[in-house]
PDB file of all heavy atoms in Angstrom:
ATOM      1  N   SER A   1      -2.253 -12.852 -13.293  1.00  0.00           N
ATOM      2  CA  SER A   1      -2.243 -13.405 -11.941  1.00  0.00           C
ATOM      3  C   SER A   1      -1.089 -12.806 -11.054  1.00  0.00           C
ATOM      4  O   SER A   1      -1.178 -12.848  -9.854  1.00  0.00           O
ATOM      5  CB  SER A   1      -2.093 -14.926 -11.977  1.00  0.00           C
ATOM      6  OG  SER A   1      -0.801 -15.230 -12.576  1.00  0.00           O
ATOM      7  N   PHE A   2      -0.109 -12.237 -11.738  1.00  0.00           N
ATOM      8  CA  PHE A   2       0.976 -11.586 -11.007  1.00  0.00           C
ATOM      9  C   PHE A   2       0.419 -10.470 -10.063  1.00  0.00           C
ATOM     10  O   PHE A   2       0.845 -10.385  -8.939  1.00  0.00           O
ATOM     11  CB  PHE A   2       1.958 -10.918 -11.996  1.00  0.00           C
ATOM     12  CG  PHE A   2       2.972 -10.007 -11.459  1.00  0.00           C
ATOM     13  CD1 PHE A   2       4.138 -10.507 -10.827  1.00  0.00           C
ATOM     14  CD2 PHE A   2       2.681  -8.615 -11.503  1.00  0.00           C
ATOM     15  CE1 PHE A   2       5.019  -9.580 -10.311  1.00  0.00           C
ATOM     16  CE2 PHE A   2       3.629  -7.724 -10.917  1.00  0.00           C
ATOM     17  CZ  PHE A   2       4.775  -8.206 -10.396  1.00  0.00           C
ATOM     18  N   TYR A   3      -0.471  -9.606 -10.595  1.00  0.00           N
ATOM     19  CA  TYR A   3      -1.046  -8.522  -9.796  1.00  0.00           C
ATOM     20  C   TYR A   3      -1.826  -8.956  -8.642  1.00  0.00           C
ATOM     21  O   TYR A   3      -1.595  -8.521  -7.492  1.00  0.00           O
ATOM     22  CB  TYR A   3      -1.870  -7.697 -10.764  1.00  0.00           C
ATOM     23  CG  TYR A   3      -1.228  -7.153 -11.963  1.00  0.00           C
ATOM     24  CD1 TYR A   3      -1.576  -7.667 -13.171  1.00  0.00           C
ATOM     25  CD2 TYR A   3      -0.211  -6.214 -11.930  1.00  0.00           C
ATOM     26  CE1 TYR A   3      -0.954  -7.161 -14.368  1.00  0.00           C
ATOM     27  CE2 TYR A   3       0.330  -5.680 -13.055  1.00  0.00           C
ATOM     28  CZ  TYR A   3       0.059  -6.118 -14.316  1.00  0.00           C
ATOM     29  OH  TYR A   3       0.646  -5.780 -15.401  1.00  0.00           O
ATOM     30  N   GLU A   4      -2.642 -10.050  -8.846  1.00  0.00           N
ATOM     31  CA  GLU A   4      -3.412 -10.508  -7.745  1.00  0.00           C
ATOM     32  C   GLU A   4      -2.491 -11.167  -6.655  1.00  0.00           C
ATOM     33  O   GLU A   4      -2.709 -11.041  -5.482  1.00  0.00           O
ATOM     34  CB  GLU A   4      -4.411 -11.552  -8.308  1.00  0.00           C
ATOM     35  CG  GLU A   4      -5.553 -11.009  -9.097  1.00  0.00           C
ATOM     36  CD  GLU A   4      -6.386 -10.103  -8.208  1.00  0.00           C
ATOM     37  OE1 GLU A   4      -6.849 -10.482  -7.198  1.00  0.00           O
ATOM     38  OE2 GLU A   4      -6.636  -8.971  -8.710  1.00  0.00           O
ATOM     39  N   HIS A   5      -1.386 -11.839  -7.165  1.00  0.00           N
ATOM     40  CA  HIS A   5      -0.527 -12.514  -6.186  1.00  0.00           C
ATOM     41  C   HIS A   5       0.168 -11.387  -5.314  1.00  0.00           C
ATOM     42  O   HIS A   5       0.302 -11.676  -4.056  1.00  0.00           O
ATOM     43  CB  HIS A   5       0.539 -13.308  -6.968  1.00  0.00           C
ATOM     44  CG  HIS A   5       1.650 -13.866  -6.098  1.00  0.00           C
ATOM     45  ND1 HIS A   5       1.456 -14.937  -5.227  1.00  0.00           N
ATOM     46  CD2 HIS A   5       2.965 -13.472  -6.059  1.00  0.00           C
ATOM     47  CE1 HIS A   5       2.547 -15.125  -4.643  1.00  0.00           C
ATOM     48  NE2 HIS A   5       3.425 -14.351  -5.005  1.00  0.00           N
ATOM     49  N   LYS A   6       0.667 -10.409  -6.002  1.00  0.00           N
ATOM     50  CA  LYS A   6       1.356  -9.350  -5.241  1.00  0.00           C
ATOM     51  C   LYS A   6       0.435  -8.627  -4.174  1.00  0.00           C
ATOM     52  O   LYS A   6       0.746  -8.424  -3.033  1.00  0.00           O
ATOM     53  CB  LYS A   6       1.984  -8.297  -6.154  1.00  0.00           C
ATOM     54  CG  LYS A   6       3.143  -8.807  -6.927  1.00  0.00           C
ATOM     55  CD  LYS A   6       4.291  -9.081  -5.921  1.00  0.00           C
ATOM     56  CE  LYS A   6       5.596  -9.458  -6.660  1.00  0.00           C
ATOM     57  NZ  LYS A   6       6.724  -9.823  -5.753  1.00  0.00           N
ATOM     58  N   LEU A   7      -0.790  -8.406  -4.640  1.00  0.00           N
ATOM     59  CA  LEU A   7      -1.767  -7.748  -3.709  1.00  0.00           C
ATOM     60  C   LEU A   7      -2.062  -8.714  -2.533  1.00  0.00           C
ATOM     61  O   LEU A   7      -2.218  -8.293  -1.457  1.00  0.00           O
ATOM     62  CB  LEU A   7      -3.059  -7.369  -4.570  1.00  0.00           C
ATOM     63  CG  LEU A   7      -2.907  -6.311  -5.549  1.00  0.00           C
ATOM     64  CD1 LEU A   7      -4.141  -6.286  -6.408  1.00  0.00           C
ATOM     65  CD2 LEU A   7      -2.593  -4.998  -4.853  1.00  0.00           C
ATOM     66  N   GLY A   8      -2.269 -10.016  -2.928  1.00  0.00           N
ATOM     67  CA  GLY A   8      -2.542 -11.016  -1.851  1.00  0.00           C
ATOM     68  C   GLY A   8      -1.456 -11.163  -0.802  1.00  0.00           C
ATOM     69  O   GLY A   8      -1.608 -11.275   0.337  1.00  0.00           O
ATOM     70  N   THR A   9      -0.183 -11.100  -1.368  1.00  0.00           N
ATOM     71  CA  THR A   9       1.005 -11.159  -0.443  1.00  0.00           C
ATOM     72  C   THR A   9       1.006  -9.899   0.501  1.00  0.00           C
ATOM     73  O   THR A   9       1.314 -10.046   1.647  1.00  0.00           O
ATOM     74  CB  THR A   9       2.307 -11.160  -1.324  1.00  0.00           C
ATOM     75  OG1 THR A   9       2.276 -12.334  -2.083  1.00  0.00           O
ATOM     76  CG2 THR A   9       3.539 -11.262  -0.395  1.00  0.00           C
ATOM     77  N   ALA A  10       0.809  -8.740  -0.053  1.00  0.00           N
ATOM     78  CA  ALA A  10       0.708  -7.533   0.794  1.00  0.00           C
ATOM     79  C   ALA A  10      -0.345  -7.651   1.857  1.00  0.00           C
ATOM     80  O   ALA A  10      -0.105  -7.312   3.048  1.00  0.00           O
ATOM     81  CB  ALA A  10       0.569  -6.302  -0.082  1.00  0.00           C
ATOM     82  N   LEU A  11      -1.536  -8.155   1.521  1.00  0.00           N
ATOM     83  CA  LEU A  11      -2.582  -8.248   2.538  1.00  0.00           C
ATOM     84  C   LEU A  11      -2.246  -9.335   3.520  1.00  0.00           C
ATOM     85  O   LEU A  11      -2.495  -9.133   4.741  1.00  0.00           O
ATOM     86  CB  LEU A  11      -3.892  -8.536   1.821  1.00  0.00           C
ATOM     87  CG  LEU A  11      -4.514  -7.472   1.005  1.00  0.00           C
ATOM     88  CD1 LEU A  11      -5.678  -7.930   0.102  1.00  0.00           C
ATOM     89  CD2 LEU A  11      -5.003  -6.313   1.828  1.00  0.00           C
ATOM     90  N   GLU A  12      -1.638 -10.449   3.056  1.00  0.00           N
ATOM     91  CA  GLU A  12      -1.336 -11.530   4.055  1.00  0.00           C
ATOM     92  C   GLU A  12      -0.329 -10.995   5.098  1.00  0.00           C
ATOM     93  O   GLU A  12      -0.403 -11.404   6.245  1.00  0.00           O
ATOM     94  CB  GLU A  12      -0.750 -12.659   3.271  1.00  0.00           C
ATOM     95  CG  GLU A  12      -0.387 -13.800   4.134  1.00  0.00           C
ATOM     96  CD  GLU A  12      -1.606 -14.471   4.850  1.00  0.00           C
ATOM     97  OE1 GLU A  12      -2.743 -14.316   4.370  1.00  0.00           O
ATOM     98  OE2 GLU A  12      -1.412 -15.128   5.844  1.00  0.00           O
ATOM     99  N   SER A  13       0.653 -10.172   4.703  1.00  0.00           N
ATOM    100  CA  SER A  13       1.624  -9.708   5.701  1.00  0.00           C
ATOM    101  C   SER A  13       0.901  -8.897   6.750  1.00  0.00           C
ATOM    102  O   SER A  13       1.361  -8.932   7.960  1.00  0.00           O
ATOM    103  CB  SER A  13       2.605  -8.840   4.965  1.00  0.00           C
ATOM    104  OG  SER A  13       2.172  -7.615   4.556  1.00  0.00           O
ATOM    105  N   LEU A  14      -0.120  -8.136   6.365  1.00  0.00           N
ATOM    106  CA  LEU A  14      -0.842  -7.396   7.402  1.00  0.00           C
ATOM    107  C   LEU A  14      -1.622  -8.347   8.434  1.00  0.00           C
ATOM    108  O   LEU A  14      -1.617  -8.026   9.620  1.00  0.00           O
ATOM    109  CB  LEU A  14      -1.963  -6.520   6.660  1.00  0.00           C
ATOM    110  CG  LEU A  14      -1.405  -5.279   5.973  1.00  0.00           C
ATOM    111  CD1 LEU A  14      -2.575  -4.576   5.293  1.00  0.00           C
ATOM    112  CD2 LEU A  14      -0.517  -4.368   6.742  1.00  0.00           C
ATOM    113  N   HIS A  15      -2.187  -9.459   7.863  1.00  0.00           N
ATOM    114  CA  HIS A  15      -2.831 -10.395   8.660  1.00  0.00           C
ATOM    115  C   HIS A  15      -1.829 -11.037   9.645  1.00  0.00           C
ATOM    116  O   HIS A  15      -2.140 -11.198  10.828  1.00  0.00           O
ATOM    117  CB  HIS A  15      -3.502 -11.474   7.863  1.00  0.00           C
ATOM    118  CG  HIS A  15      -4.769 -11.097   7.245  1.00  0.00           C
ATOM    119  ND1 HIS A  15      -5.996 -10.946   7.902  1.00  0.00           N
ATOM    120  CD2 HIS A  15      -5.084 -10.775   5.954  1.00  0.00           C
ATOM    121  CE1 HIS A  15      -6.971 -10.623   7.208  1.00  0.00           C
ATOM    122  NE2 HIS A  15      -6.440 -10.456   5.967  1.00  0.00           N
ATOM    123  N   LEU A  16      -0.598 -11.401   9.106  1.00  0.00           N
ATOM    124  CA  LEU A  16       0.332 -12.100   9.984  1.00  0.00           C
ATOM    125  C   LEU A  16       0.891 -11.201  11.082  1.00  0.00           C
ATOM    126  O   LEU A  16       1.204 -11.658  12.236  1.00  0.00           O
ATOM    127  CB  LEU A  16       1.574 -12.559   9.142  1.00  0.00           C
ATOM    128  CG  LEU A  16       1.258 -13.667   8.178  1.00  0.00           C
ATOM    129  CD1 LEU A  16       2.457 -13.894   7.249  1.00  0.00           C
ATOM    130  CD2 LEU A  16       0.949 -14.999   8.867  1.00  0.00           C
ATOM    131  N   GLU A  17       0.969  -9.866  10.822  1.00  0.00           N
ATOM    132  CA  GLU A  17       1.448  -8.946  11.862  1.00  0.00           C
ATOM    133  C   GLU A  17       0.350  -8.290  12.742  1.00  0.00           C
ATOM    134  O   GLU A  17       0.644  -7.666  13.705  1.00  0.00           O
ATOM    135  CB  GLU A  17       2.075  -7.775  11.080  1.00  0.00           C
ATOM    136  CG  GLU A  17       3.379  -8.025  10.301  1.00  0.00           C
ATOM    137  CD  GLU A  17       3.917  -6.865   9.627  1.00  0.00           C
ATOM    138  OE1 GLU A  17       3.749  -5.727  10.117  1.00  0.00           O
ATOM    139  OE2 GLU A  17       4.478  -6.915   8.524  1.00  0.00           O
ATOM    140  N   GLY A  18      -0.868  -8.842  12.444  1.00  0.00           N
ATOM    141  CA  GLY A  18      -1.993  -8.402  13.321  1.00  0.00           C
ATOM    142  C   GLY A  18      -2.368  -6.909  12.959  1.00  0.00           C
ATOM    143  O   GLY A  18      -3.036  -6.230  13.828  1.00  0.00           O
ATOM    144  N   ARG A  19      -2.113  -6.410  11.818  1.00  0.00           N
ATOM    145  CA  ARG A  19      -2.210  -5.084  11.371  1.00  0.00           C
ATOM    146  C   ARG A  19      -3.413  -4.900  10.474  1.00  0.00           C
ATOM    147  O   ARG A  19      -3.647  -3.787   9.927  1.00  0.00           O
ATOM    148  CB  ARG A  19      -1.051  -4.387  10.862  1.00  0.00           C
ATOM    149  CG  ARG A  19       0.129  -4.251  11.869  1.00  0.00           C
ATOM    150  CD  ARG A  19       1.198  -3.260  11.398  1.00  0.00           C
ATOM    151  NE  ARG A  19       1.855  -3.683  10.265  1.00  0.00           N
ATOM    152  CZ  ARG A  19       1.940  -2.974   9.109  1.00  0.00           C
ATOM    153  NH1 ARG A  19       1.206  -1.949   8.945  1.00  0.00           N
ATOM    154  NH2 ARG A  19       2.662  -3.466   8.041  1.00  0.00           N
ATOM    155  N   TYR A  20      -3.998  -5.932  10.000  1.00  0.00           N
ATOM    156  CA  TYR A  20      -5.102  -5.924   8.966  1.00  0.00           C
ATOM    157  C   TYR A  20      -6.299  -5.102   9.600  1.00  0.00           C
ATOM    158  O   TYR A  20      -6.686  -5.402  10.707  1.00  0.00           O
ATOM    159  CB  TYR A  20      -5.564  -7.251   8.555  1.00  0.00           C
ATOM    160  CG  TYR A  20      -6.648  -7.260   7.520  1.00  0.00           C
ATOM    161  CD1 TYR A  20      -6.317  -7.000   6.178  1.00  0.00           C
ATOM    162  CD2 TYR A  20      -7.917  -7.507   7.774  1.00  0.00           C
ATOM    163  CE1 TYR A  20      -7.330  -6.906   5.199  1.00  0.00           C
ATOM    164  CE2 TYR A  20      -8.904  -7.492   6.892  1.00  0.00           C
ATOM    165  CZ  TYR A  20      -8.529  -7.180   5.587  1.00  0.00           C
ATOM    166  OH  TYR A  20      -9.598  -7.113   4.586  1.00  0.00           O
ATOM    167  N   ARG A  21      -6.776  -4.114   8.829  1.00  0.00           N
ATOM    168  CA  ARG A  21      -7.781  -3.258   9.352  1.00  0.00           C
ATOM    169  C   ARG A  21      -9.166  -3.851   9.002  1.00  0.00           C
ATOM    170  O   ARG A  21      -9.435  -4.025   7.852  1.00  0.00           O
ATOM    171  CB  ARG A  21      -7.641  -1.801   8.733  1.00  0.00           C
ATOM    172  CG  ARG A  21      -6.380  -1.165   9.169  1.00  0.00           C
ATOM    173  CD  ARG A  21      -6.202   0.100   8.352  1.00  0.00           C
ATOM    174  NE  ARG A  21      -4.889   0.722   8.707  1.00  0.00           N
ATOM    175  CZ  ARG A  21      -4.720   1.739   9.531  1.00  0.00           C
ATOM    176  NH1 ARG A  21      -5.686   2.323  10.103  1.00  0.00           N
ATOM    177  NH2 ARG A  21      -3.429   2.208   9.739  1.00  0.00           N
ATOM    178  N   THR A  22      -9.953  -3.994  10.010  1.00  0.00           N
ATOM    179  CA  THR A  22     -11.326  -4.551   9.865  1.00  0.00           C
ATOM    180  C   THR A  22     -12.378  -3.492  10.043  1.00  0.00           C
ATOM    181  O   THR A  22     -12.377  -2.690  11.099  1.00  0.00           O
ATOM    182  CB  THR A  22     -11.484  -5.696  10.908  1.00  0.00           C
ATOM    183  OG1 THR A  22     -10.584  -6.704  10.810  1.00  0.00           O
ATOM    184  CG2 THR A  22     -12.917  -6.300  10.699  1.00  0.00           C
ATOM    185  N   PHE A  23     -13.284  -3.301   9.126  1.00  0.00           N
ATOM    186  CA  PHE A  23     -14.349  -2.338   9.244  1.00  0.00           C
ATOM    187  C   PHE A  23     -15.507  -2.917  10.009  1.00  0.00           C
ATOM    188  O   PHE A  23     -16.007  -4.034   9.657  1.00  0.00           O
ATOM    189  CB  PHE A  23     -14.798  -1.875   7.901  1.00  0.00           C
ATOM    190  CG  PHE A  23     -13.749  -1.013   7.060  1.00  0.00           C
ATOM    191  CD1 PHE A  23     -14.006  -0.616   5.793  1.00  0.00           C
ATOM    192  CD2 PHE A  23     -12.567  -0.708   7.667  1.00  0.00           C
ATOM    193  CE1 PHE A  23     -13.060   0.153   5.114  1.00  0.00           C
ATOM    194  CE2 PHE A  23     -11.715   0.096   7.028  1.00  0.00           C
ATOM    195  CZ  PHE A  23     -11.920   0.512   5.670  1.00  0.00           C
ATOM    196  N   ILE A  24     -15.846  -2.273  11.092  1.00  0.00           N
ATOM    197  CA  ILE A  24     -17.059  -2.740  11.843  1.00  0.00           C
ATOM    198  C   ILE A  24     -18.229  -1.916  11.376  1.00  0.00           C
ATOM    199  O   ILE A  24     -18.259  -0.716  11.373  1.00  0.00           O
ATOM    200  CB  ILE A  24     -16.819  -2.392  13.379  1.00  0.00           C
ATOM    201  CG1 ILE A  24     -15.530  -3.182  13.818  1.00  0.00           C
ATOM    202  CG2 ILE A  24     -18.039  -2.908  14.156  1.00  0.00           C
ATOM    203  CD1 ILE A  24     -15.504  -4.644  13.659  1.00  0.00           C
ATOM    204  N   GLU A  25     -19.281  -2.721  10.840  1.00  0.00           N
ATOM    205  CA  GLU A  25     -20.493  -2.010  10.416  1.00  0.00           C
ATOM    206  C   GLU A  25     -21.424  -1.738  11.516  1.00  0.00           C
ATOM    207  O   GLU A  25     -21.954  -2.574  12.224  1.00  0.00           O
ATOM    208  CB  GLU A  25     -21.183  -2.993   9.327  1.00  0.00           C
ATOM    209  CG  GLU A  25     -22.338  -2.393   8.678  1.00  0.00           C
ATOM    210  CD  GLU A  25     -22.995  -3.279   7.628  1.00  0.00           C
ATOM    211  OE1 GLU A  25     -22.355  -4.344   7.335  1.00  0.00           O
ATOM    212  OE2 GLU A  25     -24.044  -2.910   7.112  1.00  0.00           O
ATOM    213  N   ILE A  26     -21.670  -0.475  11.616  1.00  0.00           N
ATOM    214  CA  ILE A  26     -22.571   0.102  12.741  1.00  0.00           C
ATOM    215  C   ILE A  26     -23.587   1.037  12.040  1.00  0.00           C
ATOM    216  O   ILE A  26     -23.455   1.572  11.049  1.00  0.00           O
ATOM    217  CB  ILE A  26     -21.899   0.719  13.872  1.00  0.00           C
ATOM    218  CG1 ILE A  26     -21.238   2.057  13.467  1.00  0.00           C
ATOM    219  CG2 ILE A  26     -20.922  -0.148  14.599  1.00  0.00           C
ATOM    220  CD1 ILE A  26     -20.685   2.866  14.609  1.00  0.00           C
ATOM    221  N   GLU A  27     -24.712   1.185  12.714  1.00  0.00           N
ATOM    222  CA  GLU A  27     -25.736   2.106  12.417  1.00  0.00           C
ATOM    223  C   GLU A  27     -26.109   2.971  13.655  1.00  0.00           C
ATOM    224  O   GLU A  27     -26.646   2.515  14.602  1.00  0.00           O
ATOM    225  CB  GLU A  27     -26.979   1.403  11.853  1.00  0.00           C
ATOM    226  CG  GLU A  27     -28.070   2.413  11.416  1.00  0.00           C
ATOM    227  CD  GLU A  27     -29.366   1.727  10.834  1.00  0.00           C
ATOM    228  OE1 GLU A  27     -29.253   0.450  10.655  1.00  0.00           O
ATOM    229  OE2 GLU A  27     -30.310   2.420  10.555  1.00  0.00           O
ATOM    230  N   ARG A  28     -25.694   4.202  13.431  1.00  0.00           N
ATOM    231  CA  ARG A  28     -25.939   5.203  14.566  1.00  0.00           C
ATOM    232  C   ARG A  28     -27.461   5.515  14.590  1.00  0.00           C
ATOM    233  O   ARG A  28     -28.196   5.690  13.536  1.00  0.00           O
ATOM    234  CB  ARG A  28     -25.198   6.478  14.370  1.00  0.00           C
ATOM    235  CG  ARG A  28     -23.751   6.368  14.692  1.00  0.00           C
ATOM    236  CD  ARG A  28     -22.868   7.325  13.865  1.00  0.00           C
ATOM    237  NE  ARG A  28     -23.221   8.780  14.300  1.00  0.00           N
ATOM    238  CZ  ARG A  28     -22.713   9.593  15.093  1.00  0.00           C
ATOM    239  NH1 ARG A  28     -21.668   9.191  15.839  1.00  0.00           N
ATOM    240  NH2 ARG A  28     -23.120  10.717  15.286  1.00  0.00           N
ATOM    241  N   ALA A  29     -28.047   5.568  15.795  1.00  0.00           N
ATOM    242  CA  ALA A  29     -29.374   5.769  15.939  1.00  0.00           C
ATOM    243  C   ALA A  29     -29.667   7.203  16.497  1.00  0.00           C
ATOM    244  O   ALA A  29     -29.150   7.504  17.560  1.00  0.00           O
ATOM    245  CB  ALA A  29     -30.053   4.762  16.951  1.00  0.00           C
ATOM    246  N   ARG A  30     -30.347   8.053  15.758  1.00  0.00           N
ATOM    247  CA  ARG A  30     -30.607   9.369  16.164  1.00  0.00           C
ATOM    248  C   ARG A  30     -31.247   9.458  17.568  1.00  0.00           C
ATOM    249  O   ARG A  30     -32.170   8.776  17.853  1.00  0.00           O
ATOM    250  CB  ARG A  30     -31.457  10.092  15.089  1.00  0.00           C
ATOM    251  CG  ARG A  30     -31.819  11.538  15.565  1.00  0.00           C
ATOM    252  CD  ARG A  30     -32.742  12.181  14.451  1.00  0.00           C
ATOM    253  NE  ARG A  30     -33.088  13.554  14.998  1.00  0.00           N
ATOM    254  CZ  ARG A  30     -33.827  14.376  14.197  1.00  0.00           C
ATOM    255  NH1 ARG A  30     -34.331  13.978  13.061  1.00  0.00           N
ATOM    256  NH2 ARG A  30     -34.196  15.554  14.710  1.00  0.00           N
ATOM    257  N   GLY A  31     -30.714  10.278  18.391  1.00  0.00           N
ATOM    258  CA  GLY A  31     -31.184  10.480  19.737  1.00  0.00           C
ATOM    259  C   GLY A  31     -30.736   9.437  20.720  1.00  0.00           C
ATOM    260  O   GLY A  31     -31.053   9.516  21.894  1.00  0.00           O
ATOM    261  N   ASN A  32     -29.878   8.413  20.254  1.00  0.00           N
ATOM    262  CA  ASN A  32     -29.445   7.435  21.170  1.00  0.00           C
ATOM    263  C   ASN A  32     -27.871   7.348  21.231  1.00  0.00           C
ATOM    264  O   ASN A  32     -27.319   6.304  21.637  1.00  0.00           O
ATOM    265  CB  ASN A  32     -29.967   6.055  20.691  1.00  0.00           C
ATOM    266  CG  ASN A  32     -29.946   4.991  21.736  1.00  0.00           C
ATOM    267  OD1 ASN A  32     -30.027   5.338  22.953  1.00  0.00           O
ATOM    268  ND2 ASN A  32     -29.940   3.701  21.376  1.00  0.00           N
ATOM    269  N   PHE A  33     -27.175   8.383  20.734  1.00  0.00           N
ATOM    270  CA  PHE A  33     -25.763   8.360  20.818  1.00  0.00           C
ATOM    271  C   PHE A  33     -25.302   8.410  22.357  1.00  0.00           C
ATOM    272  O   PHE A  33     -25.908   9.068  23.162  1.00  0.00           O
ATOM    273  CB  PHE A  33     -25.194   9.610  20.104  1.00  0.00           C
ATOM    274  CG  PHE A  33     -23.695   9.777  20.109  1.00  0.00           C
ATOM    275  CD1 PHE A  33     -23.088   9.039  19.164  1.00  0.00           C
ATOM    276  CD2 PHE A  33     -23.082  10.552  20.909  1.00  0.00           C
ATOM    277  CE1 PHE A  33     -21.669   9.060  19.110  1.00  0.00           C
ATOM    278  CE2 PHE A  33     -21.657  10.668  20.905  1.00  0.00           C
ATOM    279  CZ  PHE A  33     -20.944   9.953  19.953  1.00  0.00           C
ATOM    280  N   PRO A  34     -24.256   7.613  22.696  1.00  0.00           N
ATOM    281  CA  PRO A  34     -23.209   6.969  21.906  1.00  0.00           C
ATOM    282  C   PRO A  34     -23.578   5.485  21.543  1.00  0.00           C
ATOM    283  O   PRO A  34     -22.635   4.758  21.216  1.00  0.00           O
ATOM    284  CB  PRO A  34     -22.027   7.044  22.755  1.00  0.00           C
ATOM    285  CG  PRO A  34     -22.571   6.836  24.215  1.00  0.00           C
ATOM    286  CD  PRO A  34     -23.921   7.574  24.192  1.00  0.00           C
ATOM    287  N   ASN A  35     -24.779   5.102  21.678  1.00  0.00           N
ATOM    288  CA  ASN A  35     -25.137   3.737  21.314  1.00  0.00           C
ATOM    289  C   ASN A  35     -25.448   3.638  19.833  1.00  0.00           C
ATOM    290  O   ASN A  35     -25.863   4.579  19.209  1.00  0.00           O
ATOM    291  CB  ASN A  35     -26.402   3.233  21.992  1.00  0.00           C
ATOM    292  CG  ASN A  35     -26.090   3.209  23.585  1.00  0.00           C
ATOM    293  OD1 ASN A  35     -25.162   2.809  24.042  1.00  0.00           O
ATOM    294  ND2 ASN A  35     -27.070   3.791  24.276  1.00  0.00           N
ATOM    295  N   ALA A  36     -25.235   2.428  19.292  1.00  0.00           N
ATOM    296  CA  ALA A  36     -25.393   2.207  17.859  1.00  0.00           C
ATOM    297  C   ALA A  36     -25.665   0.755  17.715  1.00  0.00           C
ATOM    298  O   ALA A  36     -25.352  -0.104  18.561  1.00  0.00           O
ATOM    299  CB  ALA A  36     -24.217   2.606  16.985  1.00  0.00           C
ATOM    300  N   ARG A  37     -26.311   0.471  16.418  1.00  0.00           N
ATOM    301  CA  ARG A  37     -26.578  -1.001  16.176  1.00  0.00           C
ATOM    302  C   ARG A  37     -25.408  -1.573  15.392  1.00  0.00           C
ATOM    303  O   ARG A  37     -24.934  -1.006  14.424  1.00  0.00           O
ATOM    304  CB  ARG A  37     -27.881  -1.122  15.416  1.00  0.00           C
ATOM    305  CG  ARG A  37     -29.145  -0.868  16.123  1.00  0.00           C
ATOM    306  CD  ARG A  37     -30.383  -1.224  15.370  1.00  0.00           C
ATOM    307  NE  ARG A  37     -30.574  -0.320  14.250  1.00  0.00           N
ATOM    308  CZ  ARG A  37     -31.170   0.866  14.330  1.00  0.00           C
ATOM    309  NH1 ARG A  37     -31.720   1.287  15.459  1.00  0.00           N
ATOM    310  NH2 ARG A  37     -31.323   1.661  13.300  1.00  0.00           N
ATOM    311  N   TRP A  38     -24.894  -2.734  15.971  1.00  0.00           N
ATOM    312  CA  TRP A  38     -23.791  -3.377  15.297  1.00  0.00           C
ATOM    313  C   TRP A  38     -24.393  -4.488  14.482  1.00  0.00           C
ATOM    314  O   TRP A  38     -25.152  -5.338  15.000  1.00  0.00           O
ATOM    315  CB  TRP A  38     -22.786  -3.855  16.302  1.00  0.00           C
ATOM    316  CG  TRP A  38     -21.754  -4.882  15.810  1.00  0.00           C
ATOM    317  CD1 TRP A  38     -20.988  -4.663  14.689  1.00  0.00           C
ATOM    318  CD2 TRP A  38     -21.300  -6.060  16.369  1.00  0.00           C
ATOM    319  NE1 TRP A  38     -20.153  -5.819  14.526  1.00  0.00           N
ATOM    320  CE2 TRP A  38     -20.298  -6.578  15.548  1.00  0.00           C
ATOM    321  CE3 TRP A  38     -21.702  -6.778  17.604  1.00  0.00           C
ATOM    322  CZ2 TRP A  38     -19.664  -7.823  15.793  1.00  0.00           C
ATOM    323  CZ3 TRP A  38     -21.013  -7.932  17.831  1.00  0.00           C
ATOM    324  CH2 TRP A  38     -20.059  -8.546  17.002  1.00  0.00           C
ATOM    325  N   ILE A  39     -23.968  -4.571  13.240  1.00  0.00           N
ATOM    326  CA  ILE A  39     -24.347  -5.598  12.326  1.00  0.00           C
ATOM    327  C   ILE A  39     -23.148  -6.610  12.131  1.00  0.00           C
ATOM    328  O   ILE A  39     -22.196  -6.290  11.565  1.00  0.00           O
ATOM    329  CB  ILE A  39     -24.772  -5.143  11.046  1.00  0.00           C
ATOM    330  CG1 ILE A  39     -25.983  -4.077  11.125  1.00  0.00           C
ATOM    331  CG2 ILE A  39     -25.266  -6.283  10.090  1.00  0.00           C
ATOM    332  CD1 ILE A  39     -26.252  -3.276   9.999  1.00  0.00           C
ATOM    333  N   SER A  40     -23.271  -7.810  12.799  1.00  0.00           N
ATOM    334  CA  SER A  40     -22.163  -8.721  12.825  1.00  0.00           C
ATOM    335  C   SER A  40     -22.046  -9.507  11.562  1.00  0.00           C
ATOM    336  O   SER A  40     -22.897  -9.315  10.636  1.00  0.00           O
ATOM    337  CB  SER A  40     -22.309  -9.735  14.012  1.00  0.00           C
ATOM    338  OG  SER A  40     -23.456 -10.445  13.872  1.00  0.00           O
ATOM    339  N   LYS A  41     -21.049 -10.324  11.466  1.00  0.00           N
ATOM    340  CA  LYS A  41     -20.759 -11.058  10.248  1.00  0.00           C
ATOM    341  C   LYS A  41     -21.917 -11.969   9.851  1.00  0.00           C
ATOM    342  O   LYS A  41     -22.205 -12.338   8.736  1.00  0.00           O
ATOM    343  CB  LYS A  41     -19.439 -11.836  10.254  1.00  0.00           C
ATOM    344  CG  LYS A  41     -18.305 -10.998  10.284  1.00  0.00           C
ATOM    345  CD  LYS A  41     -16.970 -11.765  10.341  1.00  0.00           C
ATOM    346  CE  LYS A  41     -15.691 -10.889  10.407  1.00  0.00           C
ATOM    347  NZ  LYS A  41     -14.487 -11.658  10.407  1.00  0.00           N
TER     348      LYS A  41
END
């Protein structure tokens, strides 16, 4: 559990600082760039 705790602490610090990186899932559509389909949560 030590490993998970340390990893969790590191990630939490990113959240607190507003630096956590969020991946936005999109699907580019051929012939329609720069538009893309965004798949939300």
